[in-house]
Amino acid sequence: MDQAAADAKAKAEAAAKARAAAKAKAKVAAAAKVKAASTAKTKEANQAAKAKTAAAEAARRAAVRDVYYENCDAVRAAGAAPIRIGDPGYSRDLDRDGDGEGCAGN
């Protein structure tokens, strides 16, 4: 019976080791799954933030392009004087001397 008991004990220990290994493997797999889900959420959040930023920039650019000043009084009232080439709302009509700076005088 000593041999049978030793064999049974060895078999039980092997089964316990197998269960422990399976449990550890399942734990690692669960942690990997959680990490993958977290990474996916982070990636989605980053993409959403980039899209929101791009939309805001596009709206800002559209608003900038739509600026129009009828005359220098309007430029001054908007606080944009002097207005230079490249500034939103600049037009050659606002730059009498053609130096690239409109509504420069008081």
PDB file of N, CA and C in Angstrom:
ATOM      1  N   MET A   1       0.799  -1.188   0.000  1.00  0.00           N
ATOM      2  CA  MET A   1       0.000   0.000   0.000  1.00  0.00           C
ATOM      3  C   MET A   1       0.845   1.257   0.000  1.00  0.00           C
ATOM      4  N   ASP A   2       2.067   1.171   0.408  1.00  0.00           N
ATOM      5  CA  ASP A   2       2.915   2.344   0.375  1.00  0.00           C
ATOM      6  C   ASP A   2       3.115   2.853  -1.050  1.00  0.00           C
ATOM      7  N   GLN A   3       3.321   1.936  -1.967  1.00  0.00           N
ATOM      8  CA  GLN A   3       3.515   2.325  -3.370  1.00  0.00           C
ATOM      9  C   GLN A   3       2.231   2.938  -3.926  1.00  0.00           C
ATOM     10  N   ALA A   4       1.099   2.350  -3.613  1.00  0.00           N
ATOM     11  CA  ALA A   4      -0.183   2.859  -4.093  1.00  0.00           C
ATOM     12  C   ALA A   4      -0.460   4.238  -3.496  1.00  0.00           C
ATOM     13  N   ALA A   5      -0.131   4.415  -2.240  1.00  0.00           N
ATOM     14  CA  ALA A   5      -0.345   5.704  -1.588  1.00  0.00           C
ATOM     15  C   ALA A   5       0.580   6.754  -2.179  1.00  0.00           C
ATOM     16  N   ALA A   6       1.835   6.368  -2.445  1.00  0.00           N
ATOM     17  CA  ALA A   6       2.791   7.295  -3.039  1.00  0.00           C
ATOM     18  C   ALA A   6       2.356   7.688  -4.439  1.00  0.00           C
ATOM     19  N   ASP A   7       1.864   6.705  -5.200  1.00  0.00           N
ATOM     20  CA  ASP A   7       1.382   6.993  -6.559  1.00  0.00           C
ATOM     21  C   ASP A   7       0.167   7.922  -6.520  1.00  0.00           C
ATOM     22  N   ALA A   8      -0.733   7.676  -5.585  1.00  0.00           N
ATOM     23  CA  ALA A   8      -1.927   8.509  -5.454  1.00  0.00           C
ATOM     24  C   ALA A   8      -1.538   9.931  -5.058  1.00  0.00           C
ATOM     25  N   LYS A   9      -0.562  10.026  -4.137  1.00  0.00           N
ATOM     26  CA  LYS A   9      -0.104  11.346  -3.704  1.00  0.00           C
ATOM     27  C   LYS A   9       0.549  12.097  -4.862  1.00  0.00           C
ATOM     28  N   ALA A  10       1.376  11.401  -5.648  1.00  0.00           N
ATOM     29  CA  ALA A  10       2.041  12.018  -6.796  1.00  0.00           C
ATOM     30  C   ALA A  10       1.009  12.464  -7.832  1.00  0.00           C
ATOM     31  N   LYS A  11      -0.001  11.614  -8.027  1.00  0.00           N
ATOM     32  CA  LYS A  11      -1.056  11.938  -8.993  1.00  0.00           C
ATOM     33  C   LYS A  11      -1.836  13.170  -8.527  1.00  0.00           C
ATOM     34  N   ALA A  12      -2.127  13.242  -7.241  1.00  0.00           N
ATOM     35  CA  ALA A  12      -2.860  14.381  -6.690  1.00  0.00           C
ATOM     36  C   ALA A  12      -2.029  15.659  -6.799  1.00  0.00           C
ATOM     37  N   GLU A  13      -0.734  15.556  -6.527  1.00  0.00           N
ATOM     38  CA  GLU A  13       0.149  16.719  -6.642  1.00  0.00           C
ATOM     39  C   GLU A  13       0.243  17.196  -8.088  1.00  0.00           C
ATOM     40  N   ALA A  14       0.331  16.244  -9.026  1.00  0.00           N
ATOM     41  CA  ALA A  14       0.395  16.595 -10.444  1.00  0.00           C
ATOM     42  C   ALA A  14      -0.903  17.289 -10.878  1.00  0.00           C
ATOM     43  N   ALA A  15      -2.032  16.772 -10.382  1.00  0.00           N
ATOM     44  CA  ALA A  15      -3.323  17.386 -10.721  1.00  0.00           C
ATOM     45  C   ALA A  15      -3.412  18.792 -10.133  1.00  0.00           C
ATOM     46  N   ALA A  16      -2.923  18.965  -8.912  1.00  0.00           N
ATOM     47  CA  ALA A  16      -2.944  20.283  -8.275  1.00  0.00           C
ATOM     48  C   ALA A  16      -2.057  21.260  -9.041  1.00  0.00           C
ATOM     49  N   LYS A  17      -0.892  20.796  -9.473  1.00  0.00           N
ATOM     50  CA  LYS A  17      -0.002  21.649 -10.274  1.00  0.00           C
ATOM     51  C   LYS A  17      -0.657  22.034 -11.592  1.00  0.00           C
ATOM     52  N   ALA A  18      -1.330  21.064 -12.211  1.00  0.00           N
ATOM     53  CA  ALA A  18      -2.000  21.339 -13.486  1.00  0.00           C
ATOM     54  C   ALA A  18      -3.108  22.371 -13.292  1.00  0.00           C
ATOM     55  N   ARG A  19      -3.882  22.224 -12.189  1.00  0.00           N
ATOM     56  CA  ARG A  19      -4.946  23.199 -11.908  1.00  0.00           C
ATOM     57  C   ARG A  19      -4.356  24.583 -11.649  1.00  0.00           C
ATOM     58  N   ALA A  20      -3.263  24.646 -10.902  1.00  0.00           N
ATOM     59  CA  ALA A  20      -2.616  25.926 -10.609  1.00  0.00           C
ATOM     60  C   ALA A  20      -2.087  26.569 -11.888  1.00  0.00           C
ATOM     61  N   ALA A  21      -1.502  25.755 -12.765  1.00  0.00           N
ATOM     62  CA  ALA A  21      -0.989  26.282 -14.031  1.00  0.00           C
ATOM     63  C   ALA A  21      -2.129  26.793 -14.902  1.00  0.00           C
ATOM     64  N   ALA A  22      -3.240  26.050 -14.935  1.00  0.00           N
ATOM     65  CA  ALA A  22      -4.394  26.473 -15.730  1.00  0.00           C
ATOM     66  C   ALA A  22      -4.979  27.768 -15.170  1.00  0.00           C
ATOM     67  N   LYS A  23      -5.022  27.859 -13.840  1.00  0.00           N
ATOM     68  CA  LYS A  23      -5.550  29.066 -13.202  1.00  0.00           C
ATOM     69  C   LYS A  23      -4.660  30.272 -13.509  1.00  0.00           C
ATOM     70  N   ALA A  24      -3.345  30.072 -13.439  1.00  0.00           N
ATOM     71  CA  ALA A  24      -2.404  31.158 -13.746  1.00  0.00           C
ATOM     72  C   ALA A  24      -2.527  31.583 -15.203  1.00  0.00           C
ATOM     73  N   LYS A  25      -2.682  30.605 -16.087  1.00  0.00           N
ATOM     74  CA  LYS A  25      -2.822  30.908 -17.517  1.00  0.00           C
ATOM     75  C   LYS A  25      -4.108  31.703 -17.769  1.00  0.00           C
ATOM     76  N   ALA A  26      -5.189  31.310 -17.103  1.00  0.00           N
ATOM     77  CA  ALA A  26      -6.460  32.021 -17.256  1.00  0.00           C
ATOM     78  C   ALA A  26      -6.344  33.449 -16.725  1.00  0.00           C
ATOM     79  N   LYS A  27      -5.617  33.608 -15.619  1.00  0.00           N
ATOM     80  CA  LYS A  27      -5.433  34.939 -15.043  1.00  0.00           C
ATOM     81  C   LYS A  27      -4.654  35.838 -15.997  1.00  0.00           C
ATOM     82  N   VAL A  28      -3.598  35.297 -16.613  1.00  0.00           N
ATOM     83  CA  VAL A  28      -2.804  36.062 -17.580  1.00  0.00           C
ATOM     84  C   VAL A  28      -3.663  36.431 -18.786  1.00  0.00           C
ATOM     85  N   ALA A  29      -4.473  35.481 -19.255  1.00  0.00           N
ATOM     86  CA  ALA A  29      -5.336  35.748 -20.407  1.00  0.00           C
ATOM     87  C   ALA A  29      -6.359  36.834 -20.080  1.00  0.00           C
ATOM     88  N   ALA A  30      -6.922  36.793 -18.873  1.00  0.00           N
ATOM     89  CA  ALA A  30      -7.899  37.809 -18.474  1.00  0.00           C
ATOM     90  C   ALA A  30      -7.245  39.187 -18.389  1.00  0.00           C
ATOM     91  N   ALA A  31      -6.029  39.236 -17.852  1.00  0.00           N
ATOM     92  CA  ALA A  31      -5.319  40.512 -17.763  1.00  0.00           C
ATOM     93  C   ALA A  31      -5.013  41.062 -19.153  1.00  0.00           C
ATOM     94  N   ALA A  32      -4.641  40.179 -20.071  1.00  0.00           N
ATOM     95  CA  ALA A  32      -4.364  40.610 -21.446  1.00  0.00           C
ATOM     96  C   ALA A  32      -5.631  41.145 -22.108  1.00  0.00           C
ATOM     97  N   LYS A  33      -6.756  40.500 -21.821  1.00  0.00           N
ATOM     98  CA  LYS A  33      -8.027  40.942 -22.397  1.00  0.00           C
ATOM     99  C   LYS A  33      -8.404  42.334 -21.872  1.00  0.00           C
ATOM    100  N   VAL A  34      -8.214  42.547 -20.574  1.00  0.00           N
ATOM    101  CA  VAL A  34      -8.506  43.855 -19.974  1.00  0.00           C
ATOM    102  C   VAL A  34      -7.595  44.920 -20.566  1.00  0.00           C
ATOM    103  N   LYS A  35      -6.317  44.591 -20.716  1.00  0.00           N
ATOM    104  CA  LYS A  35      -5.363  45.551 -21.278  1.00  0.00           C
ATOM    105  C   LYS A  35      -5.731  45.894 -22.719  1.00  0.00           C
ATOM    106  N   ALA A  36      -6.126  44.886 -23.502  1.00  0.00           N
ATOM    107  CA  ALA A  36      -6.511  45.128 -24.894  1.00  0.00           C
ATOM    108  C   ALA A  36      -7.739  46.035 -24.961  1.00  0.00           C
ATOM    109  N   ALA A  37      -8.708  45.796 -24.078  1.00  0.00           N
ATOM    110  CA  ALA A  37      -9.909  46.633 -24.064  1.00  0.00           C
ATOM    111  C   ALA A  37      -9.558  48.066 -23.673  1.00  0.00           C
ATOM    112  N   SER A  38      -8.682  48.211 -22.704  1.00  0.00           N
ATOM    113  CA  SER A  38      -8.258  49.543 -22.268  1.00  0.00           C
ATOM    114  C   SER A  38      -7.521  50.269 -23.385  1.00  0.00           C
ATOM    115  N   THR A  39      -6.648  49.550 -24.073  1.00  0.00           N
ATOM    116  CA  THR A  39      -5.903  50.136 -25.190  1.00  0.00           C
ATOM    117  C   THR A  39      -6.855  50.574 -26.299  1.00  0.00           C
ATOM    118  N   ALA A  40      -7.858  49.749 -26.576  1.00  0.00           N
ATOM    119  CA  ALA A  40      -8.831  50.094 -27.614  1.00  0.00           C
ATOM    120  C   ALA A  40      -9.611  51.349 -27.229  1.00  0.00           C
ATOM    121  N   LYS A  41     -10.004  51.440 -25.961  1.00  0.00           N
ATOM    122  CA  LYS A  41     -10.743  52.628 -25.511  1.00  0.00           C
ATOM    123  C   LYS A  41      -9.875  53.876 -25.611  1.00  0.00           C
ATOM    124  N   THR A  42      -8.617  53.742 -25.228  1.00  0.00           N
ATOM    125  CA  THR A  42      -7.697  54.875 -25.311  1.00  0.00           C
ATOM    126  C   THR A  42      -7.521  55.312 -26.754  1.00  0.00           C
ATOM    127  N   LYS A  43      -7.375  54.345 -27.640  1.00  0.00           N
ATOM    128  CA  LYS A  43      -7.200  54.653 -29.062  1.00  0.00           C
ATOM    129  C   LYS A  43      -8.441  55.363 -29.609  1.00  0.00           C
ATOM    130  N   GLU A  44      -9.622  54.868 -29.238  1.00  0.00           N
ATOM    131  CA  GLU A  44     -10.863  55.502 -29.686  1.00  0.00           C
ATOM    132  C   GLU A  44     -10.970  56.929 -29.149  1.00  0.00           C
ATOM    133  N   ALA A  45     -10.599  57.113 -27.894  1.00  0.00           N
ATOM    134  CA  ALA A  45     -10.657  58.450 -27.298  1.00  0.00           C
ATOM    135  C   ALA A  45      -9.688  59.397 -28.001  1.00  0.00           C
ATOM    136  N   ASN A  46      -8.500  58.906 -28.319  1.00  0.00           N
ATOM    137  CA  ASN A  46      -7.518  59.737 -29.034  1.00  0.00           C
ATOM    138  C   ASN A  46      -8.029  60.109 -30.418  1.00  0.00           C
ATOM    139  N   GLN A  47      -8.629  59.143 -31.117  1.00  0.00           N
ATOM    140  CA  GLN A  47      -9.169  59.422 -32.446  1.00  0.00           C
ATOM    141  C   GLN A  47     -10.308  60.437 -32.363  1.00  0.00           C
ATOM    142  N   ALA A  48     -11.163  60.298 -31.354  1.00  0.00           N
ATOM    143  CA  ALA A  48     -12.268  61.242 -31.191  1.00  0.00           C
ATOM    144  C   ALA A  48     -11.735  62.644 -30.892  1.00  0.00           C
ATOM    145  N   ALA A  49     -10.711  62.720 -30.061  1.00  0.00           N
ATOM    146  CA  ALA A  49     -10.120  64.026 -29.740  1.00  0.00           C
ATOM    147  C   ALA A  49      -9.487  64.655 -30.974  1.00  0.00           C
ATOM    148  N   LYS A  50      -8.807  63.848 -31.780  1.00  0.00           N
ATOM    149  CA  LYS A  50      -8.198  64.369 -33.011  1.00  0.00           C
ATOM    150  C   LYS A  50      -9.270  64.863 -33.973  1.00  0.00           C
ATOM    151  N   ALA A  51     -10.353  64.097 -34.093  1.00  0.00           N
ATOM    152  CA  ALA A  51     -11.439  64.503 -34.986  1.00  0.00           C
ATOM    153  C   ALA A  51     -12.076  65.807 -34.506  1.00  0.00           C
ATOM    154  N   LYS A  52     -12.258  65.921 -33.197  1.00  0.00           N
ATOM    155  CA  LYS A  52     -12.852  67.141 -32.638  1.00  0.00           C
ATOM    156  C   LYS A  52     -11.939  68.340 -32.876  1.00  0.00           C
ATOM    157  N   THR A  53     -10.649  68.147 -32.680  1.00  0.00           N
ATOM    158  CA  THR A  53      -9.678  69.218 -32.907  1.00  0.00           C
ATOM    159  C   THR A  53      -9.664  69.627 -34.377  1.00  0.00           C
ATOM    160  N   ALA A  54      -9.687  68.640 -35.262  1.00  0.00           N
ATOM    161  CA  ALA A  54      -9.681  68.931 -36.694  1.00  0.00           C
ATOM    162  C   ALA A  54     -10.945  69.691 -37.097  1.00  0.00           C
ATOM    163  N   ALA A  55     -12.082  69.303 -36.541  1.00  0.00           N
ATOM    164  CA  ALA A  55     -13.334  69.989 -36.856  1.00  0.00           C
ATOM    165  C   ALA A  55     -13.306  71.432 -36.352  1.00  0.00           C
ATOM    166  N   ALA A  56     -12.771  71.626 -35.160  1.00  0.00           N
ATOM    167  CA  ALA A  56     -12.680  72.984 -34.617  1.00  0.00           C
ATOM    168  C   ALA A  56     -11.743  73.840 -35.458  1.00  0.00           C
ATOM    169  N   GLU A  57     -10.635  73.271 -35.883  1.00  0.00           N
ATOM    170  CA  GLU A  57      -9.683  74.008 -36.720  1.00  0.00           C
ATOM    171  C   GLU A  57     -10.314  74.356 -38.070  1.00  0.00           C
ATOM    172  N   ALA A  58     -11.056  73.416 -38.646  1.00  0.00           N
ATOM    173  CA  ALA A  58     -11.719  73.680 -39.919  1.00  0.00           C
ATOM    174  C   ALA A  58     -12.761  74.795 -39.767  1.00  0.00           C
ATOM    175  N   ALA A  59     -13.497  74.767 -38.669  1.00  0.00           N
ATOM    176  CA  ALA A  59     -14.492  75.817 -38.428  1.00  0.00           C
ATOM    177  C   ALA A  59     -13.812  77.173 -38.242  1.00  0.00           C
ATOM    178  N   ARG A  60     -12.700  77.174 -37.514  1.00  0.00           N
ATOM    179  CA  ARG A  60     -11.968  78.428 -37.301  1.00  0.00           C
ATOM    180  C   ARG A  60     -11.457  78.978 -38.621  1.00  0.00           C
ATOM    181  N   ARG A  61     -10.913  78.101 -39.455  1.00  0.00           N
ATOM    182  CA  ARG A  61     -10.399  78.550 -40.756  1.00  0.00           C
ATOM    183  C   ARG A  61     -11.522  79.081 -41.638  1.00  0.00           C
ATOM    184  N   ALA A  62     -12.671  78.418 -41.601  1.00  0.00           N
ATOM    185  CA  ALA A  62     -13.802  78.879 -42.402  1.00  0.00           C
ATOM    186  C   ALA A  62     -14.255  80.257 -41.927  1.00  0.00           C
ATOM    187  N   ALA A  63     -14.280  80.457 -40.622  1.00  0.00           N
ATOM    188  CA  ALA A  63     -14.687  81.755 -40.078  1.00  0.00           C
ATOM    189  C   ALA A  63     -13.681  82.834 -40.449  1.00  0.00           C
ATOM    190  N   VAL A  64     -12.410  82.488 -40.434  1.00  0.00           N
ATOM    191  CA  VAL A  64     -11.368  83.459 -40.772  1.00  0.00           C
ATOM    192  C   VAL A  64     -11.483  83.871 -42.234  1.00  0.00           C
ATOM    193  N   ARG A  65     -11.767  82.932 -43.100  1.00  0.00           N
ATOM    194  CA  ARG A  65     -11.881  83.245 -44.525  1.00  0.00           C
ATOM    195  C   ARG A  65     -13.081  84.143 -44.811  1.00  0.00           C
ATOM    196  N   ASP A  66     -14.097  84.080 -43.978  1.00  0.00           N
ATOM    197  CA  ASP A  66     -15.326  84.822 -44.219  1.00  0.00           C
ATOM    198  C   ASP A  66     -15.285  86.246 -43.677  1.00  0.00           C
ATOM    199  N   VAL A  67     -14.158  86.671 -43.116  1.00  0.00           N
ATOM    200  CA  VAL A  67     -14.053  88.029 -42.572  1.00  0.00           C
ATOM    201  C   VAL A  67     -14.006  89.027 -43.722  1.00  0.00           C
ATOM    202  N   TYR A  68     -14.825  90.054 -43.606  1.00  0.00           N
ATOM    203  CA  TYR A  68     -14.841  91.108 -44.618  1.00  0.00           C
ATOM    204  C   TYR A  68     -15.042  92.434 -43.905  1.00  0.00           C
ATOM    205  N   TYR A  69     -14.202  93.408 -44.265  1.00  0.00           N
ATOM    206  CA  TYR A  69     -14.340  94.756 -43.724  1.00  0.00           C
ATOM    207  C   TYR A  69     -14.690  95.686 -44.872  1.00  0.00           C
ATOM    208  N   GLU A  70     -15.764  96.428 -44.702  1.00  0.00           N
ATOM    209  CA  GLU A  70     -16.211  97.339 -45.752  1.00  0.00           C
ATOM    210  C   GLU A  70     -15.252  98.509 -45.911  1.00  0.00           C
ATOM    211  N   ASN A  71     -14.707  98.987 -44.789  1.00  0.00           N
ATOM    212  CA  ASN A  71     -13.791 100.129 -44.835  1.00  0.00           C
ATOM    213  C   ASN A  71     -12.902 100.112 -43.590  1.00  0.00           C
ATOM    214  N   CYS A  72     -12.017 101.101 -43.505  1.00  0.00           N
ATOM    215  CA  CYS A  72     -11.075 101.156 -42.377  1.00  0.00           C
ATOM    216  C   CYS A  72     -11.776 101.408 -41.046  1.00  0.00           C
ATOM    217  N   ASP A  73     -12.907 102.107 -41.060  1.00  0.00           N
ATOM    218  CA  ASP A  73     -13.648 102.299 -39.811  1.00  0.00           C
ATOM    219  C   ASP A  73     -14.083 100.945 -39.245  1.00  0.00           C
ATOM    220  N   ALA A  74     -14.506 100.048 -40.125  1.00  0.00           N
ATOM    221  CA  ALA A  74     -14.912  98.707 -39.687  1.00  0.00           C
ATOM    222  C   ALA A  74     -13.713  97.917 -39.158  1.00  0.00           C
ATOM    223  N   VAL A  75     -12.552  98.082 -39.800  1.00  0.00           N
ATOM    224  CA  VAL A  75     -11.329  97.406 -39.344  1.00  0.00           C
ATOM    225  C   VAL A  75     -10.965  97.901 -37.950  1.00  0.00           C
ATOM    226  N   ARG A  76     -10.998  99.211 -37.767  1.00  0.00           N
ATOM    227  CA  ARG A  76     -10.649  99.791 -36.461  1.00  0.00           C
ATOM    228  C   ARG A  76     -11.658  99.373 -35.385  1.00  0.00           C
ATOM    229  N   ALA A  77     -12.940  99.363 -35.751  1.00  0.00           N
ATOM    230  CA  ALA A  77     -13.981  98.976 -34.795  1.00  0.00           C
ATOM    231  C   ALA A  77     -13.797  97.521 -34.340  1.00  0.00           C
ATOM    232  N   ALA A  78     -13.265  96.702 -35.223  1.00  0.00           N
ATOM    233  CA  ALA A  78     -13.027  95.295 -34.885  1.00  0.00           C
ATOM    234  C   ALA A  78     -11.713  95.107 -34.144  1.00  0.00           C
ATOM    235  N   GLY A  79     -10.925  96.171 -34.027  1.00  0.00           N
ATOM    236  CA  GLY A  79      -9.637  96.076 -33.343  1.00  0.00           C
ATOM    237  C   GLY A  79      -8.574  95.394 -34.171  1.00  0.00           C
ATOM    238  N   ALA A  80      -8.735  95.408 -35.495  1.00  0.00           N
ATOM    239  CA  ALA A  80      -7.808  94.700 -36.375  1.00  0.00           C
ATOM    240  C   ALA A  80      -6.833  95.626 -37.091  1.00  0.00           C
ATOM    241  N   ALA A  81      -6.887  96.914 -36.802  1.00  0.00           N
ATOM    242  CA  ALA A  81      -6.008  97.860 -37.502  1.00  0.00           C
ATOM    243  C   ALA A  81      -4.649  97.904 -36.826  1.00  0.00           C
ATOM    244  N   PRO A  82      -3.585  98.052 -37.532  1.00  0.00           N
ATOM    245  CA  PRO A  82      -3.504  97.989 -38.990  1.00  0.00           C
ATOM    246  C   PRO A  82      -3.637  96.544 -39.469  1.00  0.00           C
ATOM    247  N   ILE A  83      -4.204  96.406 -40.641  1.00  0.00           N
ATOM    248  CA  ILE A  83      -4.430  95.083 -41.213  1.00  0.00           C
ATOM    249  C   ILE A  83      -3.398  94.845 -42.306  1.00  0.00           C
ATOM    250  N   ARG A  84      -2.763  93.693 -42.268  1.00  0.00           N
ATOM    251  CA  ARG A  84      -1.660  93.403 -43.195  1.00  0.00           C
ATOM    252  C   ARG A  84      -2.023  92.290 -44.166  1.00  0.00           C
ATOM    253  N   ILE A  85      -1.250  92.203 -45.234  1.00  0.00           N
ATOM    254  CA  ILE A  85      -1.441  91.114 -46.200  1.00  0.00           C
ATOM    255  C   ILE A  85      -1.351  89.797 -45.443  1.00  0.00           C
ATOM    256  N   GLY A  86      -2.300  88.916 -45.687  1.00  0.00           N
ATOM    257  CA  GLY A  86      -2.334  87.624 -45.013  1.00  0.00           C
ATOM    258  C   GLY A  86      -3.257  87.609 -43.812  1.00  0.00           C
ATOM    259  N   ASP A  87      -3.581  88.787 -43.276  1.00  0.00           N
ATOM    260  CA  ASP A  87      -4.518  88.852 -42.160  1.00  0.00           C
ATOM    261  C   ASP A  87      -5.929  88.597 -42.682  1.00  0.00           C
ATOM    262  N   PRO A  88      -6.783  87.979 -41.858  1.00  0.00           N
ATOM    263  CA  PRO A  88      -8.171  87.771 -42.269  1.00  0.00           C
ATOM    264  C   PRO A  88      -8.839  89.109 -42.554  1.00  0.00           C
ATOM    265  N   GLY A  89      -9.490  89.225 -43.686  1.00  0.00           N
ATOM    266  CA  GLY A  89     -10.209  90.437 -44.049  1.00  0.00           C
ATOM    267  C   GLY A  89      -9.398  91.454 -44.823  1.00  0.00           C
ATOM    268  N   TYR A  90      -8.085  91.212 -44.996  1.00  0.00           N
ATOM    269  CA  TYR A  90      -7.266  92.163 -45.758  1.00  0.00           C
ATOM    270  C   TYR A  90      -7.750  92.199 -47.199  1.00  0.00           C
ATOM    271  N   SER A  91      -7.799  93.392 -47.749  1.00  0.00           N
ATOM    272  CA  SER A  91      -8.034  93.538 -49.187  1.00  0.00           C
ATOM    273  C   SER A  91      -7.242  94.744 -49.672  1.00  0.00           C
ATOM    274  N   ARG A  92      -6.950  94.764 -50.924  1.00  0.00           N
ATOM    275  CA  ARG A  92      -6.176  95.853 -51.536  1.00  0.00           C
ATOM    276  C   ARG A  92      -6.923  97.177 -51.396  1.00  0.00           C
ATOM    277  N   ASP A  93      -8.248  97.117 -51.313  1.00  0.00           N
ATOM    278  CA  ASP A  93      -9.052  98.336 -51.154  1.00  0.00           C
ATOM    279  C   ASP A  93      -8.768  99.038 -49.825  1.00  0.00           C
ATOM    280  N   LEU A  94      -8.311  98.302 -48.828  1.00  0.00           N
ATOM    281  CA  LEU A  94      -8.016  98.885 -47.517  1.00  0.00           C
ATOM    282  C   LEU A  94      -6.587  99.407 -47.430  1.00  0.00           C
ATOM    283  N   ASP A  95      -5.788  99.140 -48.453  1.00  0.00           N
ATOM    284  CA  ASP A  95      -4.363  99.500 -48.453  1.00  0.00           C
ATOM    285  C   ASP A  95      -4.120 100.534 -49.546  1.00  0.00           C
ATOM    286  N   ARG A  96      -4.355 101.803 -49.238  1.00  0.00           N
ATOM    287  CA  ARG A  96      -4.267 102.865 -50.246  1.00  0.00           C
ATOM    288  C   ARG A  96      -2.894 102.998 -50.877  1.00  0.00           C
ATOM    289  N   ASP A  97      -1.838 102.928 -50.065  1.00  0.00           N
ATOM    290  CA  ASP A  97      -0.496 103.148 -50.627  1.00  0.00           C
ATOM    291  C   ASP A  97       0.164 101.856 -51.116  1.00  0.00           C
ATOM    292  N   GLY A  98      -0.499 100.716 -50.959  1.00  0.00           N
ATOM    293  CA  GLY A  98       0.011  99.459 -51.510  1.00  0.00           C
ATOM    294  C   GLY A  98       1.239  98.907 -50.807  1.00  0.00           C
ATOM    295  N   ASP A  99       1.469  99.298 -49.556  1.00  0.00           N
ATOM    296  CA  ASP A  99       2.664  98.818 -48.851  1.00  0.00           C
ATOM    297  C   ASP A  99       2.429  97.509 -48.092  1.00  0.00           C
ATOM    298  N   GLY A 100       1.230  96.938 -48.227  1.00  0.00           N
ATOM    299  CA  GLY A 100       0.929  95.673 -47.558  1.00  0.00           C
ATOM    300  C   GLY A 100       0.329  95.853 -46.179  1.00  0.00           C
ATOM    301  N   GLU A 101       0.115  97.100 -45.785  1.00  0.00           N
ATOM    302  CA  GLU A 101      -0.459  97.392 -44.477  1.00  0.00           C
ATOM    303  C   GLU A 101      -1.617  98.360 -44.675  1.00  0.00           C
ATOM    304  N   GLY A 102      -2.832  97.873 -44.469  1.00  0.00           N
ATOM    305  CA  GLY A 102      -4.006  98.701 -44.667  1.00  0.00           C
ATOM    306  C   GLY A 102      -4.472  99.346 -43.378  1.00  0.00           C
ATOM    307  N   CYS A 103      -5.145 100.458 -43.516  1.00  0.00           N
ATOM    308  CA  CYS A 103      -5.730 101.189 -42.388  1.00  0.00           C
ATOM    309  C   CYS A 103      -4.681 101.529 -41.332  1.00  0.00           C
ATOM    310  N   ALA A 104      -3.490 101.887 -41.776  1.00  0.00           N
ATOM    311  CA  ALA A 104      -2.383 102.153 -40.855  1.00  0.00           C
ATOM    312  C   ALA A 104      -2.498 103.524 -40.201  1.00  0.00           C
ATOM    313  N   GLY A 105      -3.021 104.491 -40.902  1.00  0.00           N
ATOM    314  CA  GLY A 105      -3.126 105.847 -40.344  1.00  0.00           C
ATOM    315  C   GLY A 105      -4.351 106.001 -39.480  1.00  0.00           C
ATOM    316  N   ASN A 106      -4.343 107.039 -38.662  1.00  0.00           N
ATOM    317  CA  ASN A 106      -5.506 107.296 -37.802  1.00  0.00           C
ATOM    318  C   ASN A 106      -6.532 108.016 -38.550  1.00  0.00           C
TER     319      ASN A 106
END
